[in-house]
Amino acid sequence: MKNKFKNYLYLFVALAFVYACEEDGPEVYNGQAFVSFTDQSATLNVEEDSGSSEFTIGVTKAFDTDVTVTLSVTDDTAVENADYILPSTTVVIPAGEYIGSFNIDPINDDVFNTPRAFSIEIVSVSSSQVNIGNENVDSYIKTVNIVNDDCPTQYSLWFGDLIVQDPGYPNIPATGDTTGECDILLIDGDLSGFGAYSAPFELYFEPSFEGATNGTVNLPAQVYCTACSEGLDAMLTGSGTYDETTETIVLFWSLDRTDGGSFGSGTHIITPN
């Protein structure tokens, strides 16, 4: 059962990305219009066996004519036409609309591959009234990760929205994603439930034996917050088990002070939402 904090943790995180809405759609942007990926994260993740995946590009102002956006791709560990296909490098945002879409088609195989990635960038736009991206580089350049579906575990079962049950306490909202590496689940959420966390946590999966549908998970020690009590950092660690059949992770976690003292500990049951 979770122990209570002896000291409060304070962490203030401000993420400002403002969208305004009117009855008939987004409010007209009152500065220089720009186009950007609507997803504001640094990476786009595509599962190898997912089939064609659709992504969107938006413009902050609707125009009377079509706006055509041109994309450029640069291979890293992925190779175009061997690992993926980009059916088109142009995106058309129709007149009067704010959104256009493009597709990435991963090529599925039965080979256990190392992580494969390429970058995709908005390089031009047909209208001189439209800028490319905003001050955030992630708005116009993305790293695309092709997530291997031939990994030793089916850790992708926990991609997307998760339910983190903390017995005796309210559920904790979280999401699961990939790092681009097999069997490492990236969990974005407050895994201690104390209201402060520094970054998404990496949960490592290891099957009980080759081909097993269950095994262990490990959460290596990570700084949870800095100077969170009397100038001391808090470190979050955890270990537990997973079961692909029930799609359940049981994580035993501990939040400890850097002087050896303990802030708290507990057990979480993590399942897809």
C-alpha atoms as a PDB file:
ATOM      1  CA  MET A   1       0.000   0.000   0.000  1.00  0.00           C
ATOM      2  CA  LYS A   2       1.200   3.460  -0.795  1.00  0.00           C
ATOM      3  CA  ASN A   3       2.874   5.420   1.996  1.00  0.00           C
ATOM      4  CA  LYS A   4       2.027   9.103   2.287  1.00  0.00           C
ATOM      5  CA  PHE A   5       4.549  11.814   1.521  1.00  0.00           C
ATOM      6  CA  LYS A   6       6.061  13.411   4.603  1.00  0.00           C
ATOM      7  CA  ASN A   7       6.749  16.465   2.514  1.00  0.00           C
ATOM      8  CA  TYR A   8       4.821  17.945  -0.386  1.00  0.00           C
ATOM      9  CA  LEU A   9       6.295  17.779  -3.868  1.00  0.00           C
ATOM     10  CA  TYR A  10       5.921  20.837  -6.002  1.00  0.00           C
ATOM     11  CA  LEU A  11       6.385  20.766  -9.724  1.00  0.00           C
ATOM     12  CA  PHE A  12       4.960  23.289 -12.119  1.00  0.00           C
ATOM     13  CA  VAL A  13       4.903  22.358 -15.795  1.00  0.00           C
ATOM     14  CA  ALA A  14       3.521  24.767 -18.355  1.00  0.00           C
ATOM     15  CA  LEU A  15       2.836  23.613 -21.871  1.00  0.00           C
ATOM     16  CA  ALA A  16       1.192  26.284 -23.966  1.00  0.00           C
ATOM     17  CA  PHE A  17      -0.228  25.459 -27.354  1.00  0.00           C
ATOM     18  CA  VAL A  18      -3.471  27.351 -27.878  1.00  0.00           C
ATOM     19  CA  TYR A  19      -6.243  26.576 -30.314  1.00  0.00           C
ATOM     20  CA  ALA A  20      -9.322  28.805 -30.590  1.00  0.00           C
ATOM     21  CA  CYS A  21     -12.661  27.580 -31.891  1.00  0.00           C
ATOM     22  CA  GLU A  22     -15.701  29.176 -33.403  1.00  0.00           C
ATOM     23  CA  GLU A  23     -19.036  27.640 -34.200  1.00  0.00           C
ATOM     24  CA  ASP A  24     -17.990  27.032 -37.818  1.00  0.00           C
ATOM     25  CA  GLY A  25     -14.352  25.990 -37.161  1.00  0.00           C
ATOM     26  CA  PRO A  26     -11.061  27.351 -35.839  1.00  0.00           C
ATOM     27  CA  GLU A  27     -10.744  31.086 -35.379  1.00  0.00           C
ATOM     28  CA  VAL A  28      -8.852  32.798 -38.174  1.00  0.00           C
ATOM     29  CA  TYR A  29      -5.223  33.205 -37.152  1.00  0.00           C
ATOM     30  CA  ASN A  30      -4.567  36.941 -36.837  1.00  0.00           C
ATOM     31  CA  GLY A  31      -0.852  36.778 -37.660  1.00  0.00           C
ATOM     32  CA  GLN A  32       1.137  35.219 -40.498  1.00  0.00           C
ATOM     33  CA  ALA A  33      -0.535  31.911 -41.343  1.00  0.00           C
ATOM     34  CA  PHE A  34       1.561  28.748 -41.126  1.00  0.00           C
ATOM     35  CA  VAL A  35       1.285  25.045 -41.895  1.00  0.00           C
ATOM     36  CA  SER A  36       2.478  22.367 -39.490  1.00  0.00           C
ATOM     37  CA  PHE A  37       2.036  18.743 -38.508  1.00  0.00           C
ATOM     38  CA  THR A  38      -1.012  18.599 -36.261  1.00  0.00           C
ATOM     39  CA  ASP A  39       0.811  16.130 -33.986  1.00  0.00           C
ATOM     40  CA  GLN A  40       3.163  18.239 -31.854  1.00  0.00           C
ATOM     41  CA  SER A  41       5.402  15.393 -30.637  1.00  0.00           C
ATOM     42  CA  ALA A  42       8.939  14.932 -31.970  1.00  0.00           C
ATOM     43  CA  THR A  43       8.209  11.496 -33.419  1.00  0.00           C
ATOM     44  CA  LEU A  44       5.545   9.651 -35.360  1.00  0.00           C
ATOM     45  CA  ASN A  45       5.303   5.933 -34.636  1.00  0.00           C
ATOM     46  CA  VAL A  46       4.120   3.437 -37.237  1.00  0.00           C
ATOM     47  CA  GLU A  47       3.676  -0.229 -36.374  1.00  0.00           C
ATOM     48  CA  GLU A  48       5.144  -2.530 -39.014  1.00  0.00           C
ATOM     49  CA  ASP A  49       1.998  -4.636 -39.319  1.00  0.00           C
ATOM     50  CA  SER A  50      -0.494  -1.769 -39.045  1.00  0.00           C
ATOM     51  CA  GLY A  51      -1.056  -1.249 -42.749  1.00  0.00           C
ATOM     52  CA  SER A  52      -1.355   2.264 -44.105  1.00  0.00           C
ATOM     53  CA  SER A  53      -1.172   4.929 -41.360  1.00  0.00           C
ATOM     54  CA  GLU A  54      -2.699   8.375 -41.877  1.00  0.00           C
ATOM     55  CA  PHE A  55      -1.229  11.599 -40.485  1.00  0.00           C
ATOM     56  CA  THR A  56      -2.423  15.175 -40.843  1.00  0.00           C
ATOM     57  CA  ILE A  57      -1.064  18.617 -41.623  1.00  0.00           C
ATOM     58  CA  GLY A  58      -2.977  21.765 -40.701  1.00  0.00           C
ATOM     59  CA  VAL A  59      -3.004  25.397 -41.739  1.00  0.00           C
ATOM     60  CA  THR A  60      -3.932  28.147 -39.271  1.00  0.00           C
ATOM     61  CA  LYS A  61      -6.095  30.006 -41.773  1.00  0.00           C
ATOM     62  CA  ALA A  62      -8.495  28.787 -44.435  1.00  0.00           C
ATOM     63  CA  PHE A  63      -7.907  30.080 -47.972  1.00  0.00           C
ATOM     64  CA  ASP A  64     -10.133  30.504 -51.022  1.00  0.00           C
ATOM     65  CA  THR A  65      -7.878  28.191 -53.047  1.00  0.00           C
ATOM     66  CA  ASP A  66      -6.223  24.858 -52.313  1.00  0.00           C
ATOM     67  CA  VAL A  67      -2.978  24.982 -50.322  1.00  0.00           C
ATOM     68  CA  THR A  68      -0.439  22.392 -51.483  1.00  0.00           C
ATOM     69  CA  VAL A  69       2.268  21.294 -49.037  1.00  0.00           C
ATOM     70  CA  THR A  70       5.371  19.437 -50.196  1.00  0.00           C
ATOM     71  CA  LEU A  71       7.186  16.900 -48.013  1.00  0.00           C
ATOM     72  CA  SER A  72      10.750  15.613 -48.141  1.00  0.00           C
ATOM     73  CA  VAL A  73      12.001  12.344 -46.611  1.00  0.00           C
ATOM     74  CA  THR A  74      15.508  11.443 -45.439  1.00  0.00           C
ATOM     75  CA  ASP A  75      16.381   7.848 -44.601  1.00  0.00           C
ATOM     76  CA  ASP A  76      18.238   7.031 -41.401  1.00  0.00           C
ATOM     77  CA  THR A  77      18.114   3.352 -40.422  1.00  0.00           C
ATOM     78  CA  ALA A  78      14.994   2.828 -42.532  1.00  0.00           C
ATOM     79  CA  VAL A  79      15.161   2.525 -46.312  1.00  0.00           C
ATOM     80  CA  GLU A  80      12.371   3.840 -48.525  1.00  0.00           C
ATOM     81  CA  ASN A  81      10.680   1.139 -50.645  1.00  0.00           C
ATOM     82  CA  ALA A  82      12.347  -1.548 -48.508  1.00  0.00           C
ATOM     83  CA  ASP A  83      10.998  -0.660 -45.046  1.00  0.00           C
ATOM     84  CA  TYR A  84       8.249   1.797 -45.944  1.00  0.00           C
ATOM     85  CA  ILE A  85       6.474   3.521 -48.827  1.00  0.00           C
ATOM     86  CA  LEU A  86       5.349   7.131 -48.898  1.00  0.00           C
ATOM     87  CA  PRO A  87       2.608   7.072 -51.577  1.00  0.00           C
ATOM     88  CA  SER A  88       2.784  10.835 -52.106  1.00  0.00           C
ATOM     89  CA  THR A  89       5.025  13.697 -51.010  1.00  0.00           C
ATOM     90  CA  THR A  90       2.328  16.321 -51.526  1.00  0.00           C
ATOM     91  CA  VAL A  91      -0.539  17.164 -49.211  1.00  0.00           C
ATOM     92  CA  VAL A  92      -3.484  19.208 -50.437  1.00  0.00           C
ATOM     93  CA  ILE A  93      -5.473  21.252 -47.953  1.00  0.00           C
ATOM     94  CA  PRO A  94      -8.703  21.994 -49.842  1.00  0.00           C
ATOM     95  CA  ALA A  95     -10.019  25.541 -50.230  1.00  0.00           C
ATOM     96  CA  GLY A  96     -11.936  26.594 -47.154  1.00  0.00           C
ATOM     97  CA  GLU A  97     -10.468  23.739 -45.083  1.00  0.00           C
ATOM     98  CA  TYR A  98      -7.811  23.575 -42.357  1.00  0.00           C
ATOM     99  CA  ILE A  99      -6.569  19.982 -42.609  1.00  0.00           C
ATOM    100  CA  GLY A 100      -4.948  17.737 -45.191  1.00  0.00           C
ATOM    101  CA  SER A 101      -3.604  14.217 -44.796  1.00  0.00           C
ATOM    102  CA  PHE A 102      -0.841  11.933 -46.016  1.00  0.00           C
ATOM    103  CA  ASN A 103      -0.096   8.235 -45.543  1.00  0.00           C
ATOM    104  CA  ILE A 104       2.916   6.168 -44.554  1.00  0.00           C
ATOM    105  CA  ASP A 105       2.792   2.501 -45.584  1.00  0.00           C
ATOM    106  CA  PRO A 106       5.191   0.280 -43.586  1.00  0.00           C
ATOM    107  CA  ILE A 107       6.397  -2.885 -45.311  1.00  0.00           C
ATOM    108  CA  ASN A 108       5.672  -5.878 -43.105  1.00  0.00           C
ATOM    109  CA  ASP A 109       8.066  -8.822 -42.914  1.00  0.00           C
ATOM    110  CA  ASP A 110       8.808 -11.710 -40.557  1.00  0.00           C
ATOM    111  CA  VAL A 111      12.303 -10.544 -39.658  1.00  0.00           C
ATOM    112  CA  PHE A 112      13.407  -9.340 -36.231  1.00  0.00           C
ATOM    113  CA  ASN A 113      14.878  -5.974 -37.209  1.00  0.00           C
ATOM    114  CA  THR A 114      16.850  -3.363 -35.346  1.00  0.00           C
ATOM    115  CA  PRO A 115      14.980  -0.060 -34.910  1.00  0.00           C
ATOM    116  CA  ARG A 116      14.319   1.685 -38.220  1.00  0.00           C
ATOM    117  CA  ALA A 117      13.710   5.377 -38.608  1.00  0.00           C
ATOM    118  CA  PHE A 118      13.540   8.142 -41.183  1.00  0.00           C
ATOM    119  CA  SER A 119      12.708  11.838 -41.059  1.00  0.00           C
ATOM    120  CA  ILE A 120       9.966  13.714 -42.851  1.00  0.00           C
ATOM    121  CA  GLU A 121       9.957  17.470 -43.331  1.00  0.00           C
ATOM    122  CA  ILE A 122       7.607  20.115 -44.689  1.00  0.00           C
ATOM    123  CA  VAL A 123       9.801  21.870 -47.253  1.00  0.00           C
ATOM    124  CA  SER A 124       7.474  24.090 -49.279  1.00  0.00           C
ATOM    125  CA  VAL A 125       3.953  25.435 -49.500  1.00  0.00           C
ATOM    126  CA  SER A 126       2.142  26.742 -52.566  1.00  0.00           C
ATOM    127  CA  SER A 127       0.935  30.019 -51.032  1.00  0.00           C
ATOM    128  CA  SER A 128       3.325  32.902 -50.331  1.00  0.00           C
ATOM    129  CA  GLN A 129       0.955  33.923 -47.517  1.00  0.00           C
ATOM    130  CA  VAL A 130       1.788  30.797 -45.515  1.00  0.00           C
ATOM    131  CA  ASN A 131       4.905  30.123 -43.451  1.00  0.00           C
ATOM    132  CA  ILE A 132       6.299  26.665 -42.725  1.00  0.00           C
ATOM    133  CA  GLY A 133       5.938  25.694 -39.074  1.00  0.00           C
ATOM    134  CA  ASN A 134       6.146  27.820 -35.967  1.00  0.00           C
ATOM    135  CA  GLU A 135       8.995  28.317 -33.498  1.00  0.00           C
ATOM    136  CA  ASN A 136       8.849  24.610 -32.576  1.00  0.00           C
ATOM    137  CA  VAL A 137      11.009  22.493 -34.921  1.00  0.00           C
ATOM    138  CA  ASP A 138       8.733  19.512 -34.247  1.00  0.00           C
ATOM    139  CA  SER A 139       5.969  21.403 -36.041  1.00  0.00           C
ATOM    140  CA  TYR A 140       7.622  20.855 -39.441  1.00  0.00           C
ATOM    141  CA  ILE A 141      10.207  18.059 -38.991  1.00  0.00           C
ATOM    142  CA  LYS A 142       9.390  14.612 -37.604  1.00  0.00           C
ATOM    143  CA  THR A 143      11.312  11.446 -36.917  1.00  0.00           C
ATOM    144  CA  VAL A 144       9.246   8.451 -37.994  1.00  0.00           C
ATOM    145  CA  ASN A 145       9.841   5.202 -36.084  1.00  0.00           C
ATOM    146  CA  ILE A 146       8.829   1.925 -37.722  1.00  0.00           C
ATOM    147  CA  VAL A 147       7.913  -0.270 -34.776  1.00  0.00           C
ATOM    148  CA  ASN A 148       8.898  -3.907 -35.287  1.00  0.00           C
ATOM    149  CA  ASP A 149       6.085  -6.399 -34.753  1.00  0.00           C
ATOM    150  CA  ASP A 150       8.513  -9.347 -34.561  1.00  0.00           C
ATOM    151  CA  CYS A 151       9.883  -8.497 -31.105  1.00  0.00           C
ATOM    152  CA  PRO A 152      10.274 -11.215 -28.437  1.00  0.00           C
ATOM    153  CA  THR A 153       7.294  -9.780 -26.513  1.00  0.00           C
ATOM    154  CA  GLN A 154       3.967  -8.246 -27.532  1.00  0.00           C
ATOM    155  CA  TYR A 155       4.666  -5.074 -25.556  1.00  0.00           C
ATOM    156  CA  SER A 156       2.686  -3.105 -28.155  1.00  0.00           C
ATOM    157  CA  LEU A 157      -0.465  -4.385 -26.406  1.00  0.00           C
ATOM    158  CA  TRP A 158       0.098  -1.463 -24.035  1.00  0.00           C
ATOM    159  CA  PHE A 159       0.395   1.256 -26.711  1.00  0.00           C
ATOM    160  CA  GLY A 160      -2.239   3.971 -26.373  1.00  0.00           C
ATOM    161  CA  ASP A 161      -4.376   4.981 -23.397  1.00  0.00           C
ATOM    162  CA  LEU A 162      -3.787   2.997 -20.214  1.00  0.00           C
ATOM    163  CA  ILE A 163      -5.586   2.441 -16.924  1.00  0.00           C
ATOM    164  CA  VAL A 164      -3.197   2.541 -13.965  1.00  0.00           C
ATOM    165  CA  GLN A 165      -5.016   1.135 -10.954  1.00  0.00           C
ATOM    166  CA  ASP A 166      -3.611   2.030  -7.569  1.00  0.00           C
ATOM    167  CA  PRO A 167      -5.525  -0.078  -5.023  1.00  0.00           C
ATOM    168  CA  GLY A 168      -7.290   2.222  -2.596  1.00  0.00           C
ATOM    169  CA  TYR A 169      -6.629   5.360  -4.658  1.00  0.00           C
ATOM    170  CA  PRO A 170      -8.073   6.946  -7.823  1.00  0.00           C
ATOM    171  CA  ASN A 171      -6.867   5.571 -11.143  1.00  0.00           C
ATOM    172  CA  ILE A 172      -3.947   7.381 -12.757  1.00  0.00           C
ATOM    173  CA  PRO A 173      -4.238   8.415 -16.439  1.00  0.00           C
ATOM    174  CA  ALA A 174      -1.315   7.344 -18.612  1.00  0.00           C
ATOM    175  CA  THR A 175      -0.384   6.464 -22.179  1.00  0.00           C
ATOM    176  CA  GLY A 176       1.983   3.852 -23.584  1.00  0.00           C
ATOM    177  CA  ASP A 177       4.198   4.261 -26.631  1.00  0.00           C
ATOM    178  CA  THR A 178       7.400   2.987 -28.213  1.00  0.00           C
ATOM    179  CA  THR A 179      10.957   4.240 -27.971  1.00  0.00           C
ATOM    180  CA  GLY A 180      11.732   2.624 -31.325  1.00  0.00           C
ATOM    181  CA  GLU A 181      13.420  -0.262 -29.509  1.00  0.00           C
ATOM    182  CA  CYS A 182      11.841  -3.673 -29.033  1.00  0.00           C
ATOM    183  CA  ASP A 183      10.391  -4.533 -25.618  1.00  0.00           C
ATOM    184  CA  ILE A 184      10.756  -1.045 -24.100  1.00  0.00           C
ATOM    185  CA  LEU A 185       7.417   0.553 -23.247  1.00  0.00           C
ATOM    186  CA  LEU A 186       7.419   4.322 -22.820  1.00  0.00           C
ATOM    187  CA  ILE A 187       4.803   5.273 -20.228  1.00  0.00           C
ATOM    188  CA  ASP A 188       3.779   8.904 -19.971  1.00  0.00           C
ATOM    189  CA  GLY A 189       2.045   9.316 -16.646  1.00  0.00           C
ATOM    190  CA  ASP A 190       2.622   9.849 -12.945  1.00  0.00           C
ATOM    191  CA  LEU A 191       3.532   6.300 -11.899  1.00  0.00           C
ATOM    192  CA  SER A 192       3.774   7.220  -8.226  1.00  0.00           C
ATOM    193  CA  GLY A 193       0.534   9.176  -8.156  1.00  0.00           C
ATOM    194  CA  PHE A 194       2.084  11.994  -6.126  1.00  0.00           C
ATOM    195  CA  GLY A 195       1.534  14.696  -8.701  1.00  0.00           C
ATOM    196  CA  ALA A 196       5.040  15.369 -10.023  1.00  0.00           C
ATOM    197  CA  TYR A 197       7.111  13.596 -12.631  1.00  0.00           C
ATOM    198  CA  SER A 198      10.067  14.581 -14.772  1.00  0.00           C
ATOM    199  CA  ALA A 199       9.616  12.662 -18.006  1.00  0.00           C
ATOM    200  CA  PRO A 200       8.045   9.528 -19.495  1.00  0.00           C
ATOM    201  CA  PHE A 201       9.276   6.305 -17.893  1.00  0.00           C
ATOM    202  CA  GLU A 202      10.830   3.363 -19.747  1.00  0.00           C
ATOM    203  CA  LEU A 203       9.545  -0.065 -18.751  1.00  0.00           C
ATOM    204  CA  TYR A 204      11.708  -2.979 -19.948  1.00  0.00           C
ATOM    205  CA  PHE A 205      10.059  -6.315 -20.833  1.00  0.00           C
ATOM    206  CA  GLU A 206      11.794  -9.689 -20.596  1.00  0.00           C
ATOM    207  CA  PRO A 207       9.948 -12.955 -21.417  1.00  0.00           C
ATOM    208  CA  SER A 208      10.197 -15.878 -19.010  1.00  0.00           C
ATOM    209  CA  PHE A 209      11.588 -18.016 -21.826  1.00  0.00           C
ATOM    210  CA  GLU A 210      11.715 -17.893 -25.619  1.00  0.00           C
ATOM    211  CA  GLY A 211       8.176 -17.657 -26.950  1.00  0.00           C
ATOM    212  CA  ALA A 212       6.625 -17.046 -23.516  1.00  0.00           C
ATOM    213  CA  THR A 213       3.559 -14.820 -23.210  1.00  0.00           C
ATOM    214  CA  ASN A 214       4.554 -13.628 -19.748  1.00  0.00           C
ATOM    215  CA  GLY A 215       7.661 -12.461 -17.963  1.00  0.00           C
ATOM    216  CA  THR A 216       9.154  -9.640 -15.943  1.00  0.00           C
ATOM    217  CA  VAL A 217       9.225  -5.857 -16.283  1.00  0.00           C
ATOM    218  CA  ASN A 218      11.844  -3.512 -14.910  1.00  0.00           C
ATOM    219  CA  LEU A 219      11.729   0.247 -14.353  1.00  0.00           C
ATOM    220  CA  PRO A 220      15.343   1.449 -13.918  1.00  0.00           C
ATOM    221  CA  ALA A 221      15.970   4.211 -11.392  1.00  0.00           C
ATOM    222  CA  GLN A 222      15.024   7.612 -12.778  1.00  0.00           C
ATOM    223  CA  VAL A 223      14.917  11.111 -11.298  1.00  0.00           C
ATOM    224  CA  TYR A 224      11.272  11.758 -10.504  1.00  0.00           C
ATOM    225  CA  CYS A 225      11.704  15.334  -9.358  1.00  0.00           C
ATOM    226  CA  THR A 226      14.594  17.532  -8.279  1.00  0.00           C
ATOM    227  CA  ALA A 227      14.876  19.394  -4.972  1.00  0.00           C
ATOM    228  CA  CYS A 228      11.447  18.062  -4.123  1.00  0.00           C
ATOM    229  CA  SER A 229      11.914  17.940  -0.359  1.00  0.00           C
ATOM    230  CA  GLU A 230      14.526  19.740   1.704  1.00  0.00           C
ATOM    231  CA  GLY A 231      16.670  20.020  -1.413  1.00  0.00           C
ATOM    232  CA  LEU A 232      16.638  16.280  -2.038  1.00  0.00           C
ATOM    233  CA  ASP A 233      15.818  14.566  -5.324  1.00  0.00           C
ATOM    234  CA  ALA A 234      13.376  11.681  -5.580  1.00  0.00           C
ATOM    235  CA  MET A 235      14.240   8.526  -7.543  1.00  0.00           C
ATOM    236  CA  LEU A 236      11.546   6.218  -8.900  1.00  0.00           C
ATOM    237  CA  THR A 237      12.319   2.517  -9.442  1.00  0.00           C
ATOM    238  CA  GLY A 238      10.128  -0.483 -10.073  1.00  0.00           C
ATOM    239  CA  SER A 239       9.875  -4.120 -11.073  1.00  0.00           C
ATOM    240  CA  GLY A 240       7.098  -6.600 -11.624  1.00  0.00           C
ATOM    241  CA  THR A 241       5.472  -8.949 -14.109  1.00  0.00           C
ATOM    242  CA  TYR A 242       3.474  -8.834 -17.333  1.00  0.00           C
ATOM    243  CA  ASP A 243       0.969 -11.208 -18.920  1.00  0.00           C
ATOM    244  CA  GLU A 244       0.059 -10.841 -22.598  1.00  0.00           C
ATOM    245  CA  THR A 245      -2.985 -13.108 -22.245  1.00  0.00           C
ATOM    246  CA  THR A 246      -4.678 -10.869 -19.688  1.00  0.00           C
ATOM    247  CA  GLU A 247      -2.935  -7.730 -21.009  1.00  0.00           C
ATOM    248  CA  THR A 248      -1.899  -6.901 -17.454  1.00  0.00           C
ATOM    249  CA  ILE A 249       1.261  -5.408 -15.971  1.00  0.00           C
ATOM    250  CA  VAL A 250       1.752  -5.555 -12.203  1.00  0.00           C
ATOM    251  CA  LEU A 251       4.387  -3.013 -11.167  1.00  0.00           C
ATOM    252  CA  PHE A 252       5.846  -2.739  -7.672  1.00  0.00           C
ATOM    253  CA  TRP A 253       7.370   0.735  -7.368  1.00  0.00           C
ATOM    254  CA  SER A 254       9.349   2.704  -4.827  1.00  0.00           C
ATOM    255  CA  LEU A 255      10.000   6.437  -4.601  1.00  0.00           C
ATOM    256  CA  ASP A 256      13.146   7.107  -2.588  1.00  0.00           C
ATOM    257  CA  ARG A 257      15.127  10.117  -1.440  1.00  0.00           C
ATOM    258  CA  THR A 258      18.690  10.518  -2.606  1.00  0.00           C
ATOM    259  CA  ASP A 259      19.823  10.368   1.030  1.00  0.00           C
ATOM    260  CA  GLY A 260      18.432   6.836   1.329  1.00  0.00           C
ATOM    261  CA  GLY A 261      15.112   7.722   2.918  1.00  0.00           C
ATOM    262  CA  SER A 262      11.779   6.674   1.405  1.00  0.00           C
ATOM    263  CA  PHE A 263       8.976   8.884   0.137  1.00  0.00           C
ATOM    264  CA  GLY A 264       6.652   5.995  -0.563  1.00  0.00           C
ATOM    265  CA  SER A 265       5.981   2.729  -2.355  1.00  0.00           C
ATOM    266  CA  GLY A 266       3.064   0.908  -3.873  1.00  0.00           C
ATOM    267  CA  THR A 267       1.650  -1.482  -6.463  1.00  0.00           C
ATOM    268  CA  HIS A 268       0.102  -0.579  -9.806  1.00  0.00           C
ATOM    269  CA  ILE A 269      -2.017  -2.731 -12.100  1.00  0.00           C
ATOM    270  CA  ILE A 270      -1.634  -1.427 -15.667  1.00  0.00           C
ATOM    271  CA  THR A 271      -4.040  -2.433 -18.448  1.00  0.00           C
ATOM    272  CA  PRO A 272      -5.113  -0.967 -21.809  1.00  0.00           C
ATOM    273  CA  ASN A 273      -8.042   1.415 -21.570  1.00  0.00           C
END
